[in-house]
Every structure is written in structure tokens, then in C-alpha cells.
């Protein structure tokens, strides 16, 4: 059950921050596009804005990757193990009732 609680915590975390990260990604992507069309010199304000937006976007995407890289396999393994342990416990209790 510990794994299911951890999964619930992860899902709540993703749900709470999903809208905010999507909004930040859209803003960063728009700023990168705007900066790319306006850049004339390497050290202009537009190029610095584009670099800053790129760094923020990379941080957000790496953060999302870190939390989602093992999500499906971990979820499936956790649920499978819990069902197997519950099945074994019920089988054991049936066998002990029959033997008594």
C-alpha cells in the first residue's frame, strides 16, 4: 500500500502543477519565437530573453521527464504486486480455515 500512496502523491503533484507548467511552457515558447524573430545582435536584449526562456523551458521539461520516466511501469508493477499479495493472503486464510 505504500506504493499506492506514493502514486497518489505523484498524481496529486502532477495535477496541481500541470496547468501552471503548461502556461509557463507556452509563454517560454512564445518568447523564444518572438526573440528569434527580433534578434539582430548576439548580446541584445532579445537574444538574452530567448536564452533565458530556453533555459526555463529545458528545466521544466527535464523536471517533467524526471517524474514521468518510470510512471507507467511503476504503476503497473505496484498494482500487480498488491493484487498478488492480496490473493495470496486470501488463499492462505482459506487454507488455514480448511485445515482447522
Protein backbone atom coordinates (compact mmCIF):
# COMPACT_ATOMS: atom_id res chain seq x y z
CA UNK A 1 0.00 0.00 0.00
CA UNK A 2 2.98 2.31 0.40
CA UNK A 3 3.48 2.31 -3.35
CA UNK A 4 -0.13 3.23 -3.98
CA UNK A 5 0.18 6.15 -1.55
CA UNK A 6 3.32 7.28 -3.38
CA UNK A 7 1.46 7.01 -6.67
CA UNK A 8 -1.44 9.03 -5.28
CA UNK A 9 1.01 11.67 -4.10
CA UNK A 10 2.63 11.81 -7.55
CA UNK A 11 -0.72 12.13 -9.31
CA UNK A 12 -1.80 14.94 -6.99
CA UNK A 13 1.54 16.67 -7.60
CA UNK A 14 1.14 16.40 -11.37
CA UNK A 15 -2.48 17.54 -11.27
CA UNK A 16 -1.68 20.58 -9.13
CA UNK A 17 1.20 21.79 -11.24
CA UNK A 18 0.11 20.68 -14.72
CA UNK A 19 -1.76 23.84 -15.63
CA UNK A 20 0.99 26.12 -14.34
CA UNK A 21 3.73 24.26 -16.19
CA UNK A 22 1.71 24.24 -19.42
CA UNK A 23 1.19 28.00 -19.14
CA UNK A 24 4.90 28.58 -18.49
CA UNK A 25 5.84 26.34 -21.43
CA UNK A 26 3.53 28.29 -23.75
CA UNK A 27 4.91 31.62 -22.55
CA UNK A 28 8.53 30.42 -22.91
CA UNK A 29 7.87 29.04 -26.39
CA UNK A 30 6.24 32.32 -27.43
CA UNK A 31 9.14 34.32 -26.04
CA UNK A 32 11.63 32.10 -27.87
CA UNK A 33 9.73 32.60 -31.13
CA UNK A 34 9.43 36.35 -30.59
CA UNK A 35 13.08 36.64 -29.60
CA UNK A 36 14.21 34.61 -32.61
CA UNK A 37 12.35 36.91 -34.99
CA UNK A 38 13.65 40.10 -33.37
CA UNK A 39 17.28 39.17 -32.65
CA UNK A 40 19.84 41.21 -34.56
CA UNK A 41 22.91 41.03 -32.35
CA UNK A 42 24.12 38.14 -30.18
CA UNK A 43 24.15 40.14 -26.95
CA UNK A 44 20.96 42.09 -27.49
CA UNK A 45 18.04 42.06 -25.06
CA UNK A 46 16.07 39.78 -27.39
CA UNK A 47 18.81 37.16 -27.50
CA UNK A 48 19.17 37.23 -23.71
CA UNK A 49 15.40 36.86 -23.37
CA UNK A 50 15.49 33.94 -25.79
CA UNK A 51 18.35 32.25 -23.89
CA UNK A 52 16.63 32.79 -20.52
CA UNK A 53 13.33 31.38 -21.87
CA UNK A 54 15.16 28.38 -23.33
CA UNK A 55 16.82 27.62 -20.00
CA UNK A 56 13.49 27.81 -18.16
CA UNK A 57 11.86 25.56 -20.76
CA UNK A 58 14.68 23.00 -20.50
CA UNK A 59 14.39 22.97 -16.70
CA UNK A 60 10.62 22.41 -16.86
CA UNK A 61 10.92 19.64 -19.45
CA UNK A 62 13.66 17.86 -17.52
CA UNK A 63 11.59 18.15 -14.34
CA UNK A 64 8.61 16.57 -16.13
CA UNK A 65 10.81 13.83 -17.57
CA UNK A 66 12.24 13.02 -14.13
CA UNK A 67 8.77 12.45 -12.67
CA UNK A 68 7.24 10.70 -15.67
CA UNK A 69 10.06 8.46 -16.91
CA UNK A 70 9.05 5.35 -14.92
CA UNK A 71 5.42 6.25 -14.30
CA UNK A 72 3.56 3.55 -16.34
CA UNK A 73 5.82 0.63 -15.44
CA UNK A 74 5.93 1.58 -11.76
CA UNK A 75 2.17 1.91 -11.64
CA UNK A 76 1.55 -1.44 -13.30
CA UNK A 77 4.13 -3.25 -11.15
CA UNK A 78 2.77 -1.74 -7.95
CA UNK A 79 -0.84 -2.65 -8.67
CA UNK A 80 0.14 -6.14 -9.83
CA UNK A 81 2.15 -6.79 -6.66
CA UNK A 82 -0.66 -5.55 -4.43
CA UNK A 83 -3.21 -7.79 -6.14
CA UNK A 84 -0.88 -10.78 -5.92
CA UNK A 85 -0.25 -10.22 -2.22
CA UNK A 86 -3.98 -9.85 -1.53
CA UNK A 87 -4.66 -13.03 -3.49
CA UNK A 88 -2.00 -14.93 -1.58
CA UNK A 89 -3.36 -13.69 1.76
CA UNK A 90 -6.90 -14.76 0.90
CA UNK A 91 -5.66 -18.16 -0.32
CA UNK A 92 -3.68 -18.63 2.88
CA UNK A 93 -6.67 -17.74 5.04
CA UNK A 94 -8.86 -20.22 3.12
CA UNK A 95 -6.28 -22.97 3.52
CA UNK A 96 -5.93 -22.27 7.24
CA UNK A 97 -9.73 -22.40 7.67
CA UNK A 98 -9.91 -25.73 5.85
CA UNK A 99 -7.08 -27.20 7.93
CA UNK A 100 -8.64 -26.09 11.21
